[in-house]
């Protein structure tokens, strides 16, 4: 694979918002010689799903903390009026 192809993969992965696909070389090294393209795609998609799930969980925790803080603030502001 030449450098032009590698750059195209990076560009398309960025445009499609699939950052895990930039790690395709790591996945290729982990696969055995008899694994095909289907297994390659499955591994890439599995990693993408795991990263998105982790990011979603972090985002939900952050939102929940913000709501809890806002509720406390409004509760105590109304209490001391």
PDB file of N, CA and C in Angstrom:
ATOM      1  N   UNK A   1       0.853  -1.168   0.000  1.00  0.00           N
ATOM      2  CA  UNK A   1       0.000   0.000   0.000  1.00  0.00           C
ATOM      3  C   UNK A   1       0.904   1.237   0.000  1.00  0.00           C
ATOM      4  N   UNK A   2       0.640   2.148  -0.902  1.00  0.00           N
ATOM      5  CA  UNK A   2       1.501   3.324  -0.985  1.00  0.00           C
ATOM      6  C   UNK A   2       0.970   4.468  -0.112  1.00  0.00           C
ATOM      7  N   UNK A   3       1.743   5.514  -0.023  1.00  0.00           N
ATOM      8  CA  UNK A   3       1.399   6.625   0.864  1.00  0.00           C
ATOM      9  C   UNK A   3       0.147   7.375   0.397  1.00  0.00           C
ATOM     10  N   UNK A   4      -0.103   7.407  -0.904  1.00  0.00           N
ATOM     11  CA  UNK A   4      -1.308   8.071  -1.410  1.00  0.00           C
ATOM     12  C   UNK A   4      -2.554   7.340  -0.910  1.00  0.00           C
ATOM     13  N   UNK A   5      -2.522   6.026  -0.950  1.00  0.00           N
ATOM     14  CA  UNK A   5      -3.649   5.236  -0.469  1.00  0.00           C
ATOM     15  C   UNK A   5      -3.863   5.439   1.027  1.00  0.00           C
ATOM     16  N   UNK A   6      -2.770   5.490   1.787  1.00  0.00           N
ATOM     17  CA  UNK A   6      -2.875   5.709   3.231  1.00  0.00           C
ATOM     18  C   UNK A   6      -3.497   7.073   3.527  1.00  0.00           C
ATOM     19  N   UNK A   7      -3.085   8.084   2.800  1.00  0.00           N
ATOM     20  CA  UNK A   7      -3.650   9.422   2.995  1.00  0.00           C
ATOM     21  C   UNK A   7      -5.130   9.467   2.608  1.00  0.00           C
ATOM     22  N   UNK A   8      -5.496   8.746   1.557  1.00  0.00           N
ATOM     23  CA  UNK A   8      -6.904   8.694   1.148  1.00  0.00           C
ATOM     24  C   UNK A   8      -7.753   8.035   2.237  1.00  0.00           C
ATOM     25  N   UNK A   9      -7.233   6.971   2.834  1.00  0.00           N
ATOM     26  CA  UNK A   9      -7.955   6.299   3.918  1.00  0.00           C
ATOM     27  C   UNK A   9      -8.147   7.251   5.089  1.00  0.00           C
ATOM     28  N   UNK A  10      -7.104   7.969   5.458  1.00  0.00           N
ATOM     29  CA  UNK A  10      -7.209   8.936   6.557  1.00  0.00           C
ATOM     30  C   UNK A  10      -8.227  10.029   6.239  1.00  0.00           C
ATOM     31  N   UNK A  11      -8.190  10.534   5.012  1.00  0.00           N
ATOM     32  CA  UNK A  11      -9.118  11.589   4.598  1.00  0.00           C
ATOM     33  C   UNK A  11     -10.561  11.106   4.641  1.00  0.00           C
ATOM     34  N   UNK A  12     -10.819   9.937   4.063  1.00  0.00           N
ATOM     35  CA  UNK A  12     -12.183   9.405   4.052  1.00  0.00           C
ATOM     36  C   UNK A  12     -12.666   9.076   5.463  1.00  0.00           C
ATOM     37  N   UNK A  13     -11.788   8.538   6.294  1.00  0.00           N
ATOM     38  CA  UNK A  13     -12.163   8.227   7.675  1.00  0.00           C
ATOM     39  C   UNK A  13     -12.542   9.499   8.425  1.00  0.00           C
ATOM     40  N   UNK A  14     -11.813  10.565   8.180  1.00  0.00           N
ATOM     41  CA  UNK A  14     -12.122  11.838   8.834  1.00  0.00           C
ATOM     42  C   UNK A  14     -13.449  12.398   8.332  1.00  0.00           C
ATOM     43  N   UNK A  15     -13.668  12.368   7.028  1.00  0.00           N
ATOM     44  CA  UNK A  15     -14.908  12.890   6.458  1.00  0.00           C
ATOM     45  C   UNK A  15     -16.122  12.080   6.894  1.00  0.00           C
ATOM     46  N   UNK A  16     -15.958  10.784   7.031  1.00  0.00           N
ATOM     47  CA  UNK A  16     -17.056   9.921   7.468  1.00  0.00           C
ATOM     48  C   UNK A  16     -17.186   9.872   8.993  1.00  0.00           C
ATOM     49  N   UNK A  17     -16.275  10.536   9.669  1.00  0.00           N
ATOM     50  CA  UNK A  17     -16.234  10.557  11.131  1.00  0.00           C
ATOM     51  C   UNK A  17     -16.104   9.146  11.697  1.00  0.00           C
ATOM     52  N   UNK A  18     -15.119   8.444  11.184  1.00  0.00           N
ATOM     53  CA  UNK A  18     -14.783   7.095  11.628  1.00  0.00           C
ATOM     54  C   UNK A  18     -13.313   7.068  12.052  1.00  0.00           C
ATOM     55  N   UNK A  19     -12.983   7.665  13.182  1.00  0.00           N
ATOM     56  CA  UNK A  19     -11.573   7.769  13.568  1.00  0.00           C
ATOM     57  C   UNK A  19     -10.894   6.428  13.779  1.00  0.00           C
ATOM     58  N   UNK A  20     -11.630   5.416  14.136  1.00  0.00           N
ATOM     59  CA  UNK A  20     -11.038   4.097  14.361  1.00  0.00           C
ATOM     60  C   UNK A  20     -10.457   3.530  13.082  1.00  0.00           C
ATOM     61  N   UNK A  21     -11.013   3.905  11.948  1.00  0.00           N
ATOM     62  CA  UNK A  21     -10.533   3.372  10.686  1.00  0.00           C
ATOM     63  C   UNK A  21      -9.112   3.841  10.372  1.00  0.00           C
ATOM     64  N   UNK A  22      -8.625   4.852  11.067  1.00  0.00           N
ATOM     65  CA  UNK A  22      -7.232   5.258  10.900  1.00  0.00           C
ATOM     66  C   UNK A  22      -6.282   4.220  11.487  1.00  0.00           C
ATOM     67  N   UNK A  23      -6.787   3.342  12.331  1.00  0.00           N
ATOM     68  CA  UNK A  23      -5.971   2.304  12.973  1.00  0.00           C
ATOM     69  C   UNK A  23      -6.030   0.984  12.210  1.00  0.00           C
ATOM     70  N   UNK A  24      -6.324   1.042  10.934  1.00  0.00           N
ATOM     71  CA  UNK A  24      -6.498  -0.182  10.151  1.00  0.00           C
ATOM     72  C   UNK A  24      -5.227  -1.030  10.096  1.00  0.00           C
ATOM     73  N   UNK A  25      -4.062  -0.402  10.114  1.00  0.00           N
ATOM     74  CA  UNK A  25      -2.811  -1.172  10.051  1.00  0.00           C
ATOM     75  C   UNK A  25      -2.629  -2.043  11.287  1.00  0.00           C
ATOM     76  N   UNK A  26      -3.049  -1.535  12.431  1.00  0.00           N
ATOM     77  CA  UNK A  26      -2.977  -2.309  13.673  1.00  0.00           C
ATOM     78  C   UNK A  26      -3.887  -3.536  13.580  1.00  0.00           C
ATOM     79  N   UNK A  27      -5.072  -3.360  13.011  1.00  0.00           N
ATOM     80  CA  UNK A  27      -6.009  -4.475  12.851  1.00  0.00           C
ATOM     81  C   UNK A  27      -5.446  -5.501  11.884  1.00  0.00           C
ATOM     82  N   UNK A  28      -4.834  -5.040  10.814  1.00  0.00           N
ATOM     83  CA  UNK A  28      -4.244  -5.964   9.834  1.00  0.00           C
ATOM     84  C   UNK A  28      -3.191  -6.839  10.493  1.00  0.00           C
ATOM     85  N   UNK A  29      -2.362  -6.261  11.358  1.00  0.00           N
ATOM     86  CA  UNK A  29      -1.315  -7.036  12.036  1.00  0.00           C
ATOM     87  C   UNK A  29      -1.911  -8.088  12.973  1.00  0.00           C
ATOM     88  N   UNK A  30      -3.092  -7.796  13.544  1.00  0.00           N
ATOM     89  CA  UNK A  30      -3.708  -8.725  14.498  1.00  0.00           C
ATOM     90  C   UNK A  30      -4.406  -9.896  13.806  1.00  0.00           C
ATOM     91  N   UNK A  31      -4.806  -9.735  12.563  1.00  0.00           N
ATOM     92  CA  UNK A  31      -5.517 -10.794  11.847  1.00  0.00           C
ATOM     93  C   UNK A  31      -4.553 -11.868  11.375  1.00  0.00           C
ATOM     94  N   UNK A  32      -5.065 -13.075  11.274  1.00  0.00           N
ATOM     95  CA  UNK A  32      -4.234 -14.161  10.741  1.00  0.00           C
ATOM     96  C   UNK A  32      -4.274 -14.128   9.218  1.00  0.00           C
ATOM     97  N   UNK A  33      -3.415 -14.893   8.603  1.00  0.00           N
ATOM     98  CA  UNK A  33      -3.294 -14.876   7.139  1.00  0.00           C
ATOM     99  C   UNK A  33      -4.548 -15.373   6.431  1.00  0.00           C
ATOM    100  N   UNK A  34      -5.295 -16.263   7.043  1.00  0.00           N
ATOM    101  CA  UNK A  34      -6.476 -16.808   6.377  1.00  0.00           C
ATOM    102  C   UNK A  34      -7.748 -16.003   6.630  1.00  0.00           C
ATOM    103  N   UNK A  35      -7.682 -14.957   7.448  1.00  0.00           N
ATOM    104  CA  UNK A  35      -8.836 -14.065   7.634  1.00  0.00           C
ATOM    105  C   UNK A  35      -8.995 -13.200   6.393  1.00  0.00           C
ATOM    106  N   UNK A  36     -10.216 -12.964   6.002  1.00  0.00           N
ATOM    107  CA  UNK A  36     -10.474 -12.189   4.795  1.00  0.00           C
ATOM    108  C   UNK A  36     -10.887 -10.756   5.098  1.00  0.00           C
ATOM    109  N   UNK A  37     -11.383 -10.109   4.062  1.00  0.00           N
ATOM    110  CA  UNK A  37     -11.817  -8.721   4.189  1.00  0.00           C
ATOM    111  C   UNK A  37     -12.997  -8.570   5.134  1.00  0.00           C
ATOM    112  N   UNK A  38     -13.876  -9.560   5.145  1.00  0.00           N
ATOM    113  CA  UNK A  38     -15.043  -9.497   6.024  1.00  0.00           C
ATOM    114  C   UNK A  38     -14.609  -9.428   7.486  1.00  0.00           C
ATOM    115  N   UNK A  39     -13.667 -10.269   7.872  1.00  0.00           N
ATOM    116  CA  UNK A  39     -13.173 -10.252   9.247  1.00  0.00           C
ATOM    117  C   UNK A  39     -12.456  -8.940   9.559  1.00  0.00           C
ATOM    118  N   UNK A  40     -11.745  -8.420   8.592  1.00  0.00           N
ATOM    119  CA  UNK A  40     -11.069  -7.128   8.740  1.00  0.00           C
ATOM    120  C   UNK A  40     -12.090  -6.027   9.029  1.00  0.00           C
ATOM    121  N   UNK A  41     -13.151  -5.971   8.242  1.00  0.00           N
ATOM    122  CA  UNK A  41     -14.189  -4.957   8.449  1.00  0.00           C
ATOM    123  C   UNK A  41     -14.909  -5.149   9.774  1.00  0.00           C
ATOM    124  N   UNK A  42     -15.163  -6.395  10.138  1.00  0.00           N
ATOM    125  CA  UNK A  42     -15.822  -6.674  11.415  1.00  0.00           C
ATOM    126  C   UNK A  42     -14.987  -6.139  12.576  1.00  0.00           C
ATOM    127  N   UNK A  43     -13.676  -6.382  12.542  1.00  0.00           N
ATOM    128  CA  UNK A  43     -12.804  -5.914  13.620  1.00  0.00           C
ATOM    129  C   UNK A  43     -12.765  -4.385  13.682  1.00  0.00           C
ATOM    130  N   UNK A  44     -12.681  -3.737  12.524  1.00  0.00           N
ATOM    131  CA  UNK A  44     -12.680  -2.272  12.514  1.00  0.00           C
ATOM    132  C   UNK A  44     -13.990  -1.716  13.070  1.00  0.00           C
ATOM    133  N   UNK A  45     -15.093  -2.284  12.632  1.00  0.00           N
ATOM    134  CA  UNK A  45     -16.403  -1.810  13.095  1.00  0.00           C
ATOM    135  C   UNK A  45     -16.608  -2.081  14.580  1.00  0.00           C
ATOM    136  N   UNK A  46     -16.085  -3.208  15.057  1.00  0.00           N
ATOM    137  CA  UNK A  46     -16.194  -3.530  16.481  1.00  0.00           C
ATOM    138  C   UNK A  46     -15.451  -2.485  17.323  1.00  0.00           C
ATOM    139  N   UNK A  47     -14.259  -2.106  16.866  1.00  0.00           N
ATOM    140  CA  UNK A  47     -13.496  -1.089  17.583  1.00  0.00           C
ATOM    141  C   UNK A  47     -14.201   0.263  17.546  1.00  0.00           C
ATOM    142  N   UNK A  48     -14.764   0.622  16.401  1.00  0.00           N
ATOM    143  CA  UNK A  48     -15.493   1.891  16.276  1.00  0.00           C
ATOM    144  C   UNK A  48     -16.688   1.924  17.223  1.00  0.00           C
ATOM    145  N   UNK A  49     -17.424   0.832  17.278  1.00  0.00           N
ATOM    146  CA  UNK A  49     -18.580   0.750  18.163  1.00  0.00           C
ATOM    147  C   UNK A  49     -18.164   0.891  19.621  1.00  0.00           C
ATOM    148  N   UNK A  50     -17.077   0.232  20.010  1.00  0.00           N
ATOM    149  CA  UNK A  50     -16.595   0.323  21.391  1.00  0.00           C
ATOM    150  C   UNK A  50     -16.201   1.756  21.744  1.00  0.00           C
ATOM    151  N   UNK A  51     -15.518   2.437  20.832  1.00  0.00           N
ATOM    152  CA  UNK A  51     -15.122   3.824  21.096  1.00  0.00           C
ATOM    153  C   UNK A  51     -16.323   4.745  21.189  1.00  0.00           C
ATOM    154  N   UNK A  52     -17.296   4.554  20.312  1.00  0.00           N
ATOM    155  CA  UNK A  52     -18.506   5.390  20.361  1.00  0.00           C
ATOM    156  C   UNK A  52     -19.308   5.132  21.628  1.00  0.00           C
ATOM    157  N   UNK A  53     -19.383   3.889  22.062  1.00  0.00           N
ATOM    158  CA  UNK A  53     -20.103   3.564  23.295  1.00  0.00           C
ATOM    159  C   UNK A  53     -19.440   4.227  24.494  1.00  0.00           C
ATOM    160  N   UNK A  54     -18.126   4.156  24.546  1.00  0.00           N
ATOM    161  CA  UNK A  54     -17.395   4.781  25.656  1.00  0.00           C
ATOM    162  C   UNK A  54     -17.585   6.295  25.648  1.00  0.00           C
ATOM    163  N   UNK A  55     -17.527   6.909  24.478  1.00  0.00           N
ATOM    164  CA  UNK A  55     -17.713   8.360  24.382  1.00  0.00           C
ATOM    165  C   UNK A  55     -19.136   8.747  24.775  1.00  0.00           C
ATOM    166  N   UNK A  56     -20.114   7.955  24.373  1.00  0.00           N
ATOM    167  CA  UNK A  56     -21.504   8.225  24.732  1.00  0.00           C
ATOM    168  C   UNK A  56     -21.733   8.127  26.227  1.00  0.00           C
ATOM    169  N   UNK A  57     -21.113   7.135  26.842  1.00  0.00           N
ATOM    170  CA  UNK A  57     -21.250   6.977  28.283  1.00  0.00           C
ATOM    171  C   UNK A  57     -20.633   8.164  29.019  1.00  0.00           C
ATOM    172  N   UNK A  58     -19.469   8.605  28.590  1.00  0.00           N
ATOM    173  CA  UNK A  58     -18.840   9.776  29.204  1.00  0.00           C
ATOM    174  C   UNK A  58     -19.711  11.016  29.046  1.00  0.00           C
ATOM    175  N   UNK A  59     -20.308  11.172  27.863  1.00  0.00           N
ATOM    176  CA  UNK A  59     -21.163  12.328  27.603  1.00  0.00           C
ATOM    177  C   UNK A  59     -22.413  12.289  28.495  1.00  0.00           C
ATOM    178  N   UNK A  60     -23.019  11.118  28.654  1.00  0.00           N
ATOM    179  CA  UNK A  60     -24.215  11.008  29.493  1.00  0.00           C
ATOM    180  C   UNK A  60     -23.895  11.297  30.951  1.00  0.00           C
ATOM    181  N   UNK A  61     -22.743  10.845  31.422  1.00  0.00           N
ATOM    182  CA  UNK A  61     -22.335  11.124  32.799  1.00  0.00           C
ATOM    183  C   UNK A  61     -22.137  12.617  32.996  1.00  0.00           C
ATOM    184  N   UNK A  62     -21.511  13.261  32.036  1.00  0.00           N
ATOM    185  CA  UNK A  62     -21.265  14.700  32.129  1.00  0.00           C
ATOM    186  C   UNK A  62     -22.582  15.477  32.165  1.00  0.00           C
ATOM    187  N   UNK A  63     -23.545  15.095  31.329  1.00  0.00           N
ATOM    188  CA  UNK A  63     -24.844  15.774  31.300  1.00  0.00           C
ATOM    189  C   UNK A  63     -25.577  15.562  32.618  1.00  0.00           C
ATOM    190  N   UNK A  64     -25.531  14.344  33.137  1.00  0.00           N
ATOM    191  CA  UNK A  64     -26.213  14.044  34.389  1.00  0.00           C
ATOM    192  C   UNK A  64     -25.630  14.859  35.537  1.00  0.00           C
ATOM    193  N   UNK A  65     -24.319  14.986  35.580  1.00  0.00           N
ATOM    194  CA  UNK A  65     -23.693  15.806  36.629  1.00  0.00           C
ATOM    195  C   UNK A  65     -24.128  17.258  36.512  1.00  0.00           C
ATOM    196  N   UNK A  66     -24.220  17.755  35.293  1.00  0.00           N
ATOM    197  CA  UNK A  66     -24.645  19.139  35.084  1.00  0.00           C
ATOM    198  C   UNK A  66     -26.074  19.363  35.532  1.00  0.00           C
ATOM    199  N   UNK A  67     -26.964  18.407  35.266  1.00  0.00           N
ATOM    200  CA  UNK A  67     -28.363  18.534  35.692  1.00  0.00           C
ATOM    201  C   UNK A  67     -28.467  18.501  37.210  1.00  0.00           C
ATOM    202  N   UNK A  68     -27.688  17.640  37.844  1.00  0.00           N
ATOM    203  CA  UNK A  68     -27.717  17.539  39.301  1.00  0.00           C
ATOM    204  C   UNK A  68     -27.268  18.855  39.928  1.00  0.00           C
ATOM    205  N   UNK A  69     -26.222  19.440  39.404  1.00  0.00           N
ATOM    206  CA  UNK A  69     -25.711  20.707  39.920  1.00  0.00           C
ATOM    207  C   UNK A  69     -26.731  21.822  39.707  1.00  0.00           C
ATOM    208  N   UNK A  70     -27.358  21.853  38.546  1.00  0.00           N
ATOM    209  CA  UNK A  70     -28.371  22.880  38.266  1.00  0.00           C
ATOM    210  C   UNK A  70     -29.561  22.727  39.199  1.00  0.00           C
ATOM    211  N   UNK A  71     -29.956  21.486  39.484  1.00  0.00           N
ATOM    212  CA  UNK A  71     -31.084  21.259  40.384  1.00  0.00           C
ATOM    213  C   UNK A  71     -30.754  21.758  41.787  1.00  0.00           C
ATOM    214  N   UNK A  72     -29.561  21.447  42.276  1.00  0.00           N
ATOM    215  CA  UNK A  72     -29.152  21.905  43.608  1.00  0.00           C
ATOM    216  C   UNK A  72     -29.118  23.424  43.676  1.00  0.00           C
ATOM    217  N   UNK A  73     -28.576  24.035  42.639  1.00  0.00           N
ATOM    218  CA  UNK A  73     -28.483  25.492  42.618  1.00  0.00           C
ATOM    219  C   UNK A  73     -29.871  26.123  42.694  1.00  0.00           C
ATOM    220  N   UNK A  74     -30.809  25.629  41.893  1.00  0.00           N
ATOM    221  CA  UNK A  74     -32.148  26.204  41.876  1.00  0.00           C
ATOM    222  C   UNK A  74     -32.867  25.905  43.202  1.00  0.00           C
ATOM    223  N   UNK A  75     -32.647  24.729  43.775  1.00  0.00           N
ATOM    224  CA  UNK A  75     -33.278  24.379  45.036  1.00  0.00           C
ATOM    225  C   UNK A  75     -32.837  25.336  46.140  1.00  0.00           C
ATOM    226  N   UNK A  76     -31.533  25.522  46.275  1.00  0.00           N
ATOM    227  CA  UNK A  76     -31.042  26.385  47.343  1.00  0.00           C
ATOM    228  C   UNK A  76     -31.338  27.863  47.095  1.00  0.00           C
ATOM    229  N   UNK A  77     -31.367  28.278  45.847  1.00  0.00           N
ATOM    230  CA  UNK A  77     -31.738  29.668  45.544  1.00  0.00           C
ATOM    231  C   UNK A  77     -33.191  29.927  45.941  1.00  0.00           C
ATOM    232  N   UNK A  78     -34.074  28.990  45.673  1.00  0.00           N
ATOM    233  CA  UNK A  78     -35.483  29.139  46.031  1.00  0.00           C
ATOM    234  C   UNK A  78     -35.698  29.003  47.536  1.00  0.00           C
ATOM    235  N   UNK A  79     -34.875  28.245  48.211  1.00  0.00           N
ATOM    236  CA  UNK A  79     -34.989  28.008  49.643  1.00  0.00           C
ATOM    237  C   UNK A  79     -34.689  29.277  50.437  1.00  0.00           C
ATOM    238  N   UNK A  80     -33.726  30.052  49.972  1.00  0.00           N
ATOM    239  CA  UNK A  80     -33.283  31.225  50.727  1.00  0.00           C
ATOM    240  C   UNK A  80     -33.894  32.527  50.213  1.00  0.00           C
ATOM    241  N   UNK A  81     -34.922  32.486  49.438  1.00  0.00           N
ATOM    242  CA  UNK A  81     -35.578  33.724  48.971  1.00  0.00           C
ATOM    243  C   UNK A  81     -36.517  34.249  49.989  1.00  0.00           C
TER     244      UNK A  81
END
